[in-house]
Amino acid sequence: MPARGRRGIGTAQLNTRLALNNKFESKIKYLGTLRGCFGYAFDHTLVYGTAGLAYGETSQNVDMFGPTGNTQFSDDQSHFKMGYTVGAGIEQAIPKNLSFKTEYLYYDLGEDKLNVAVIPGIGGAGTGYDSKFNNDGQMLRVRLNWKFD
């Protein structure tokens, strides 16, 4: 299940509200699931719940700029993560070999913490900043299935 979700945040100065161009970016490079399903079938309809393991690779990147526009703090990281997924769906058989399916999934791969260190010689104050990124999301999928005899 490919995931190209990218989350970014912009920042502004507190007193002037002018943009600072600091960059906080979090991506899920790929996402997969291993799930079980349970449900109830009646007539030509299946209503089900699903739950299981979610896995994927997350990456974060932070660049913080000083008042003159130079990068003062910067770091990035990438991790393989495991978590969980839960969801529900409905599948409707149309003719003999065709079905239409709608499914909702919530996934959570936990959180990542990134210590954004000061770049030596640039003049940034302190040792750096800790940034926290949550790696969760929601999906709505629609499918058309064909059953081969």
N, C-alpha and C. Protein backbone atom coordinates (compact mmCIF):
# COMPACT_ATOMS: atom_id res chain seq x y z
N MET A 1 0.86 -1.15 0.00
CA MET A 1 0.00 0.00 0.00
C MET A 1 0.91 1.22 0.00
N PRO A 2 1.08 1.92 -1.11
CA PRO A 2 1.98 3.06 -1.16
C PRO A 2 1.42 4.24 -0.38
N ALA A 3 2.31 4.96 0.27
CA ALA A 3 1.91 6.17 1.00
C ALA A 3 2.87 7.28 0.63
N ARG A 4 2.37 8.34 0.15
CA ARG A 4 3.19 9.49 -0.24
C ARG A 4 2.83 10.70 0.59
N GLY A 5 2.25 10.47 1.78
CA GLY A 5 1.84 11.57 2.63
C GLY A 5 3.03 12.40 3.08
N ARG A 6 2.90 13.69 2.99
CA ARG A 6 3.94 14.60 3.42
C ARG A 6 3.29 15.70 4.24
N ARG A 7 3.84 15.97 5.38
CA ARG A 7 3.31 17.01 6.25
C ARG A 7 4.39 18.06 6.45
N GLY A 8 4.04 19.31 6.27
CA GLY A 8 4.98 20.40 6.48
C GLY A 8 4.34 21.47 7.33
N ILE A 9 5.18 22.22 8.03
CA ILE A 9 4.70 23.29 8.91
C ILE A 9 5.49 24.55 8.59
N GLY A 10 4.83 25.67 8.51
CA GLY A 10 5.50 26.96 8.37
C GLY A 10 5.53 27.66 9.72
N THR A 11 6.50 28.53 9.92
CA THR A 11 6.61 29.27 11.17
C THR A 11 6.64 30.77 10.90
N ALA A 12 6.29 31.55 11.92
CA ALA A 12 6.29 33.01 11.82
C ALA A 12 6.84 33.63 13.09
N GLN A 13 7.38 34.84 12.96
CA GLN A 13 7.87 35.58 14.11
C GLN A 13 6.69 35.93 15.01
N LEU A 14 6.90 35.90 16.31
CA LEU A 14 5.81 36.17 17.25
C LEU A 14 5.35 37.63 17.20
N ASN A 15 6.29 38.56 17.11
CA ASN A 15 5.89 39.97 17.19
C ASN A 15 5.45 40.56 15.85
N THR A 16 6.05 40.13 14.74
CA THR A 16 5.72 40.73 13.44
C THR A 16 4.83 39.83 12.57
N ARG A 17 4.76 38.56 12.88
CA ARG A 17 4.03 37.56 12.10
C ARG A 17 4.61 37.35 10.70
N LEU A 18 5.84 37.85 10.45
CA LEU A 18 6.51 37.61 9.18
C LEU A 18 7.02 36.17 9.13
N ALA A 19 6.99 35.59 7.96
CA ALA A 19 7.43 34.20 7.79
C ALA A 19 8.92 34.06 8.10
N LEU A 20 9.28 32.96 8.77
CA LEU A 20 10.67 32.67 9.09
C LEU A 20 11.30 31.68 8.12
N ASN A 21 10.51 30.99 7.33
CA ASN A 21 10.99 29.97 6.39
C ASN A 21 11.61 28.76 7.06
N ASN A 22 11.36 28.58 8.37
CA ASN A 22 11.81 27.35 9.02
C ASN A 22 11.04 26.19 8.40
N LYS A 23 11.69 25.05 8.30
CA LYS A 23 11.06 23.91 7.63
C LYS A 23 11.01 22.72 8.59
N PHE A 24 9.81 22.21 8.81
CA PHE A 24 9.58 20.99 9.57
C PHE A 24 8.83 20.06 8.64
N GLU A 25 9.42 18.94 8.27
CA GLU A 25 8.78 18.05 7.30
C GLU A 25 8.81 16.62 7.81
N SER A 26 7.68 15.94 7.65
CA SER A 26 7.55 14.54 8.04
C SER A 26 6.91 13.78 6.89
N LYS A 27 7.48 12.63 6.53
CA LYS A 27 6.96 11.82 5.44
C LYS A 27 6.85 10.36 5.88
N ILE A 28 5.88 9.68 5.31
CA ILE A 28 5.84 8.22 5.39
C ILE A 28 6.19 7.74 3.99
N LYS A 29 7.38 7.15 3.86
CA LYS A 29 7.88 6.75 2.54
C LYS A 29 7.10 5.58 1.97
N TYR A 30 6.74 4.63 2.81
CA TYR A 30 5.84 3.54 2.40
C TYR A 30 5.09 3.05 3.62
N LEU A 31 3.97 2.41 3.38
CA LEU A 31 3.12 1.90 4.45
C LEU A 31 2.52 0.58 4.00
N GLY A 32 2.57 -0.41 4.86
CA GLY A 32 1.96 -1.69 4.59
C GLY A 32 1.20 -2.19 5.80
N THR A 33 0.31 -3.14 5.59
CA THR A 33 -0.46 -3.70 6.70
C THR A 33 -0.55 -5.21 6.57
N LEU A 34 -0.69 -5.87 7.70
CA LEU A 34 -0.98 -7.30 7.79
C LEU A 34 -2.15 -7.40 8.74
N ARG A 35 -3.35 -7.72 8.20
CA ARG A 35 -4.59 -7.59 8.98
C ARG A 35 -5.43 -8.85 8.93
N GLY A 36 -6.25 -8.96 9.94
CA GLY A 36 -7.32 -9.95 9.97
C GLY A 36 -8.65 -9.23 9.81
N CYS A 37 -9.66 -9.95 9.35
CA CYS A 37 -11.00 -9.36 9.17
C CYS A 37 -12.04 -10.22 9.87
N PHE A 38 -13.08 -9.57 10.34
CA PHE A 38 -14.23 -10.27 10.91
C PHE A 38 -15.46 -9.52 10.46
N GLY A 39 -16.52 -10.27 10.13
CA GLY A 39 -17.69 -9.56 9.63
C GLY A 39 -18.92 -10.44 9.54
N TYR A 40 -19.92 -9.86 8.90
CA TYR A 40 -21.20 -10.52 8.74
C TYR A 40 -21.65 -10.36 7.30
N ALA A 41 -22.00 -11.50 6.67
CA ALA A 41 -22.47 -11.48 5.29
C ALA A 41 -23.98 -11.75 5.27
N PHE A 42 -24.69 -10.98 4.48
CA PHE A 42 -26.11 -11.20 4.26
C PHE A 42 -26.44 -10.80 2.83
N ASP A 43 -27.32 -11.58 2.23
CA ASP A 43 -27.69 -11.38 0.82
C ASP A 43 -26.41 -11.29 -0.02
N HIS A 44 -26.13 -10.17 -0.66
CA HIS A 44 -24.91 -10.00 -1.46
C HIS A 44 -23.99 -8.95 -0.84
N THR A 45 -24.07 -8.78 0.49
CA THR A 45 -23.32 -7.72 1.16
C THR A 45 -22.49 -8.30 2.30
N LEU A 46 -21.27 -7.79 2.45
CA LEU A 46 -20.39 -8.14 3.55
C LEU A 46 -20.02 -6.86 4.29
N VAL A 47 -20.32 -6.81 5.59
CA VAL A 47 -19.91 -5.70 6.45
C VAL A 47 -18.85 -6.27 7.39
N TYR A 48 -17.71 -5.58 7.51
CA TYR A 48 -16.61 -6.17 8.28
C TYR A 48 -15.80 -5.11 9.03
N GLY A 49 -15.09 -5.59 10.03
CA GLY A 49 -14.08 -4.82 10.75
C GLY A 49 -12.74 -5.46 10.48
N THR A 50 -11.68 -4.70 10.62
CA THR A 50 -10.35 -5.21 10.36
C THR A 50 -9.37 -4.58 11.34
N ALA A 51 -8.34 -5.33 11.71
CA ALA A 51 -7.32 -4.83 12.62
C ALA A 51 -6.05 -5.63 12.40
N GLY A 52 -4.92 -5.03 12.74
CA GLY A 52 -3.67 -5.75 12.62
C GLY A 52 -2.44 -4.87 12.70
N LEU A 53 -1.38 -5.35 12.11
CA LEU A 53 -0.07 -4.72 12.14
C LEU A 53 0.06 -3.72 11.00
N ALA A 54 0.62 -2.56 11.30
CA ALA A 54 0.99 -1.58 10.28
C ALA A 54 2.50 -1.41 10.35
N TYR A 55 3.15 -1.23 9.20
CA TYR A 55 4.60 -1.02 9.17
C TYR A 55 4.92 -0.04 8.05
N GLY A 56 6.04 0.63 8.19
CA GLY A 56 6.44 1.58 7.16
C GLY A 56 7.74 2.27 7.52
N GLU A 57 8.19 3.10 6.60
CA GLU A 57 9.39 3.90 6.83
C GLU A 57 9.00 5.36 6.93
N THR A 58 9.42 5.99 8.03
CA THR A 58 9.13 7.41 8.25
C THR A 58 10.43 8.20 8.10
N SER A 59 10.30 9.45 7.69
CA SER A 59 11.46 10.33 7.65
C SER A 59 11.05 11.73 8.10
N GLN A 60 11.97 12.41 8.76
CA GLN A 60 11.74 13.76 9.24
C GLN A 60 12.94 14.62 8.86
N ASN A 61 12.67 15.90 8.61
CA ASN A 61 13.71 16.85 8.26
C ASN A 61 13.34 18.19 8.88
N VAL A 62 14.29 18.82 9.57
CA VAL A 62 14.07 20.13 10.18
C VAL A 62 15.23 21.04 9.80
N ASP A 63 14.91 22.24 9.31
CA ASP A 63 15.88 23.31 9.05
C ASP A 63 15.34 24.57 9.71
N MET A 64 16.16 25.18 10.57
CA MET A 64 15.76 26.41 11.25
C MET A 64 16.76 27.50 10.89
N PHE A 65 16.24 28.64 10.49
CA PHE A 65 17.06 29.72 9.97
C PHE A 65 17.19 30.86 10.98
N GLY A 66 18.33 31.54 10.95
CA GLY A 66 18.58 32.69 11.79
C GLY A 66 18.01 33.96 11.17
N PRO A 67 18.18 35.10 11.86
CA PRO A 67 17.62 36.36 11.38
C PRO A 67 18.21 36.83 10.06
N THR A 68 19.42 36.38 9.72
CA THR A 68 20.02 36.79 8.45
C THR A 68 19.73 35.81 7.33
N GLY A 69 18.95 34.77 7.63
CA GLY A 69 18.57 33.81 6.59
C GLY A 69 19.46 32.60 6.49
N ASN A 70 20.53 32.53 7.30
CA ASN A 70 21.41 31.36 7.24
C ASN A 70 20.85 30.24 8.11
N THR A 71 21.11 29.00 7.73
CA THR A 71 20.64 27.84 8.49
C THR A 71 21.46 27.72 9.77
N GLN A 72 20.77 27.75 10.92
CA GLN A 72 21.46 27.65 12.21
C GLN A 72 21.29 26.27 12.85
N PHE A 73 20.17 25.61 12.60
CA PHE A 73 19.90 24.30 13.17
C PHE A 73 19.37 23.41 12.04
N SER A 74 19.88 22.18 11.97
CA SER A 74 19.43 21.29 10.90
C SER A 74 19.68 19.84 11.30
N ASP A 75 18.75 18.97 10.93
CA ASP A 75 18.94 17.54 11.12
C ASP A 75 17.86 16.79 10.36
N ASP A 76 18.10 15.52 10.11
CA ASP A 76 17.10 14.65 9.49
C ASP A 76 17.34 13.23 9.95
N GLN A 77 16.32 12.39 9.77
CA GLN A 77 16.42 10.99 10.15
C GLN A 77 15.39 10.19 9.38
N SER A 78 15.60 8.87 9.37
CA SER A 78 14.67 7.95 8.72
C SER A 78 14.64 6.67 9.55
N HIS A 79 13.43 6.10 9.75
CA HIS A 79 13.29 4.90 10.58
C HIS A 79 12.27 3.94 9.98
N PHE A 80 12.52 2.63 10.16
CA PHE A 80 11.50 1.61 9.91
C PHE A 80 10.67 1.53 11.18
N LYS A 81 9.35 1.62 11.05
CA LYS A 81 8.46 1.66 12.21
C LYS A 81 7.40 0.57 12.10
N MET A 82 6.94 0.09 13.26
CA MET A 82 5.81 -0.84 13.32
C MET A 82 4.79 -0.29 14.29
N GLY A 83 3.52 -0.49 13.97
CA GLY A 83 2.44 -0.01 14.81
C GLY A 83 1.19 -0.84 14.57
N TYR A 84 0.05 -0.18 14.57
CA TYR A 84 -1.21 -0.91 14.41
C TYR A 84 -2.12 -0.18 13.44
N THR A 85 -3.12 -0.91 12.97
CA THR A 85 -4.16 -0.34 12.12
C THR A 85 -5.50 -0.95 12.50
N VAL A 86 -6.55 -0.16 12.41
CA VAL A 86 -7.92 -0.63 12.63
C VAL A 86 -8.80 0.02 11.57
N GLY A 87 -9.90 -0.64 11.24
CA GLY A 87 -10.79 -0.07 10.24
C GLY A 87 -12.06 -0.88 10.08
N ALA A 88 -12.82 -0.49 9.07
CA ALA A 88 -14.09 -1.15 8.77
C ALA A 88 -14.38 -0.96 7.29
N GLY A 89 -15.25 -1.83 6.78
CA GLY A 89 -15.59 -1.72 5.36
C GLY A 89 -16.89 -2.42 5.04
N ILE A 90 -17.29 -2.23 3.80
CA ILE A 90 -18.48 -2.88 3.27
C ILE A 90 -18.18 -3.29 1.83
N GLU A 91 -18.57 -4.51 1.48
CA GLU A 91 -18.38 -5.02 0.12
C GLU A 91 -19.72 -5.52 -0.40
N GLN A 92 -20.04 -5.11 -1.60
CA GLN A 92 -21.32 -5.46 -2.22
C GLN A 92 -21.05 -6.22 -3.52
N ALA A 93 -21.57 -7.44 -3.62
CA ALA A 93 -21.48 -8.20 -4.87
C ALA A 93 -22.49 -7.62 -5.85
N ILE A 94 -22.04 -7.37 -7.08
CA ILE A 94 -22.93 -6.77 -8.07
C ILE A 94 -23.47 -7.89 -8.96
N PRO A 95 -22.82 -8.28 -10.04
CA PRO A 95 -23.23 -9.53 -10.69
C PRO A 95 -22.40 -10.69 -10.13
N LYS A 96 -22.41 -11.77 -10.83
CA LYS A 96 -21.78 -13.00 -10.36
C LYS A 96 -20.29 -12.82 -10.00
N ASN A 97 -19.49 -12.16 -10.80
CA ASN A 97 -18.04 -12.09 -10.61
C ASN A 97 -17.52 -10.71 -10.21
N LEU A 98 -18.37 -9.76 -9.94
CA LEU A 98 -17.92 -8.39 -9.68
C LEU A 98 -18.40 -7.93 -8.31
N SER A 99 -17.51 -7.23 -7.58
CA SER A 99 -17.92 -6.65 -6.29
C SER A 99 -17.32 -5.25 -6.14
N PHE A 100 -18.00 -4.43 -5.37
CA PHE A 100 -17.59 -3.06 -5.09
C PHE A 100 -17.32 -2.96 -3.60
N LYS A 101 -16.19 -2.36 -3.22
CA LYS A 101 -15.77 -2.35 -1.83
C LYS A 101 -15.34 -0.94 -1.42
N THR A 102 -15.75 -0.53 -0.22
CA THR A 102 -15.31 0.72 0.39
C THR A 102 -14.75 0.38 1.77
N GLU A 103 -13.56 0.94 2.08
CA GLU A 103 -12.90 0.59 3.33
C GLU A 103 -12.24 1.83 3.94
N TYR A 104 -12.39 1.98 5.26
CA TYR A 104 -11.73 3.04 6.03
C TYR A 104 -10.67 2.40 6.92
N LEU A 105 -9.48 3.00 6.97
CA LEU A 105 -8.41 2.52 7.84
C LEU A 105 -7.79 3.67 8.62
N TYR A 106 -7.52 3.46 9.88
CA TYR A 106 -6.71 4.35 10.70
C TYR A 106 -5.42 3.60 11.00
N TYR A 107 -4.27 4.27 10.87
CA TYR A 107 -3.00 3.64 11.20
C TYR A 107 -2.21 4.54 12.15
N ASP A 108 -1.38 3.92 12.98
CA ASP A 108 -0.53 4.64 13.92
C ASP A 108 0.82 3.94 14.01
N LEU A 109 1.87 4.62 13.58
CA LEU A 109 3.22 4.09 13.64
C LEU A 109 4.02 4.70 14.80
N GLY A 110 3.32 5.30 15.75
CA GLY A 110 4.00 5.87 16.91
C GLY A 110 4.55 7.26 16.61
N GLU A 111 5.51 7.67 17.39
CA GLU A 111 6.10 9.00 17.21
C GLU A 111 7.61 8.90 17.06
N ASP A 112 8.19 9.90 16.45
CA ASP A 112 9.63 10.03 16.32
C ASP A 112 10.05 11.33 16.98
N LYS A 113 11.20 11.30 17.64
CA LYS A 113 11.78 12.51 18.22
C LYS A 113 13.09 12.79 17.49
N LEU A 114 13.31 14.04 17.19
CA LEU A 114 14.51 14.46 16.47
C LEU A 114 15.14 15.61 17.22
N ASN A 115 16.41 15.44 17.63
CA ASN A 115 17.16 16.54 18.24
C ASN A 115 17.82 17.31 17.11
N VAL A 116 17.38 18.53 16.91
CA VAL A 116 17.89 19.38 15.84
C VAL A 116 19.07 20.16 16.41
N ALA A 117 20.27 19.77 16.04
CA ALA A 117 21.48 20.33 16.63
C ALA A 117 21.89 21.63 15.95
N VAL A 118 22.58 22.48 16.72
CA VAL A 118 23.12 23.71 16.17
C VAL A 118 24.26 23.36 15.20
N ILE A 119 24.37 24.09 14.11
CA ILE A 119 25.46 23.89 13.16
C ILE A 119 26.67 24.65 13.68
N PRO A 120 27.78 23.98 13.94
CA PRO A 120 28.96 24.64 14.51
C PRO A 120 29.45 25.80 13.63
N GLY A 121 29.83 26.90 14.29
CA GLY A 121 30.39 28.05 13.58
C GLY A 121 29.39 28.98 12.96
N ILE A 122 28.10 28.70 13.08
CA ILE A 122 27.07 29.53 12.45
C ILE A 122 26.57 30.62 13.39
N GLY A 123 26.72 30.43 14.68
CA GLY A 123 26.30 31.44 15.63
C GLY A 123 24.96 31.19 16.27
N GLY A 124 24.40 30.01 16.13
CA GLY A 124 23.13 29.69 16.78
C GLY A 124 23.33 29.53 18.28
N ALA A 125 22.38 29.97 19.06
CA ALA A 125 22.47 29.88 20.51
C ALA A 125 21.99 28.52 20.99
N GLY A 126 22.58 28.04 22.08
CA GLY A 126 22.15 26.78 22.67
C GLY A 126 22.74 25.59 21.95
N THR A 127 22.23 24.42 22.30
CA THR A 127 22.73 23.18 21.71
C THR A 127 21.78 22.60 20.67
N GLY A 128 20.55 23.08 20.63
CA GLY A 128 19.59 22.57 19.66
C GLY A 128 18.19 22.51 20.22
N TYR A 129 17.32 21.88 19.47
CA TYR A 129 15.91 21.79 19.83
C TYR A 129 15.44 20.37 19.62
N ASP A 130 14.51 19.94 20.45
CA ASP A 130 13.87 18.64 20.27
C ASP A 130 12.57 18.84 19.52
N SER A 131 12.36 18.06 18.49
CA SER A 131 11.11 18.09 17.72
C SER A 131 10.46 16.73 17.80
N LYS A 132 9.14 16.70 17.92
CA LYS A 132 8.39 15.45 18.01
C LYS A 132 7.44 15.36 16.81
N PHE A 133 7.39 14.20 16.17
CA PHE A 133 6.55 13.97 15.01
C PHE A 133 5.65 12.77 15.26
N ASN A 134 4.34 12.94 15.06
CA ASN A 134 3.39 11.82 15.16
C ASN A 134 3.22 11.21 13.78
N ASN A 135 3.27 9.88 13.72
CA ASN A 135 3.17 9.16 12.45
C ASN A 135 1.87 8.36 12.41
N ASP A 136 0.76 9.08 12.27
CA ASP A 136 -0.53 8.40 12.16
C ASP A 136 -1.33 9.06 11.05
N GLY A 137 -2.39 8.39 10.65
CA GLY A 137 -3.22 8.94 9.58
C GLY A 137 -4.43 8.08 9.31
N GLN A 138 -5.19 8.51 8.31
CA GLN A 138 -6.42 7.82 7.92
C GLN A 138 -6.44 7.64 6.42
N MET A 139 -7.10 6.58 5.98
CA MET A 139 -7.26 6.30 4.55
C MET A 139 -8.69 5.87 4.27
N LEU A 140 -9.18 6.26 3.14
CA LEU A 140 -10.46 5.77 2.62
C LEU A 140 -10.16 5.18 1.25
N ARG A 141 -10.47 3.91 1.09
CA ARG A 141 -10.17 3.23 -0.18
C ARG A 141 -11.45 2.71 -0.81
N VAL A 142 -11.49 2.79 -2.12
CA VAL A 142 -12.60 2.26 -2.90
C VAL A 142 -12.01 1.28 -3.90
N ARG A 143 -12.65 0.11 -4.02
CA ARG A 143 -12.13 -0.95 -4.92
C ARG A 143 -13.25 -1.53 -5.76
N LEU A 144 -12.87 -2.00 -6.90
CA LEU A 144 -13.71 -2.79 -7.78
C LEU A 144 -12.99 -4.12 -7.98
N ASN A 145 -13.58 -5.23 -7.55
CA ASN A 145 -12.93 -6.55 -7.61
C ASN A 145 -13.59 -7.43 -8.65
N TRP A 146 -12.78 -8.19 -9.36
CA TRP A 146 -13.26 -9.15 -10.33
C TRP A 146 -12.80 -10.54 -9.89
N LYS A 147 -13.72 -11.49 -9.79
CA LYS A 147 -13.43 -12.86 -9.38
C LYS A 147 -13.32 -13.71 -10.63
N PHE A 148 -12.16 -14.37 -10.79
CA PHE A 148 -11.96 -15.26 -11.94
C PHE A 148 -12.47 -16.66 -11.57
N ASP A 149 -13.14 -17.28 -12.50
CA ASP A 149 -13.65 -18.65 -12.27
C ASP A 149 -12.60 -19.68 -12.59
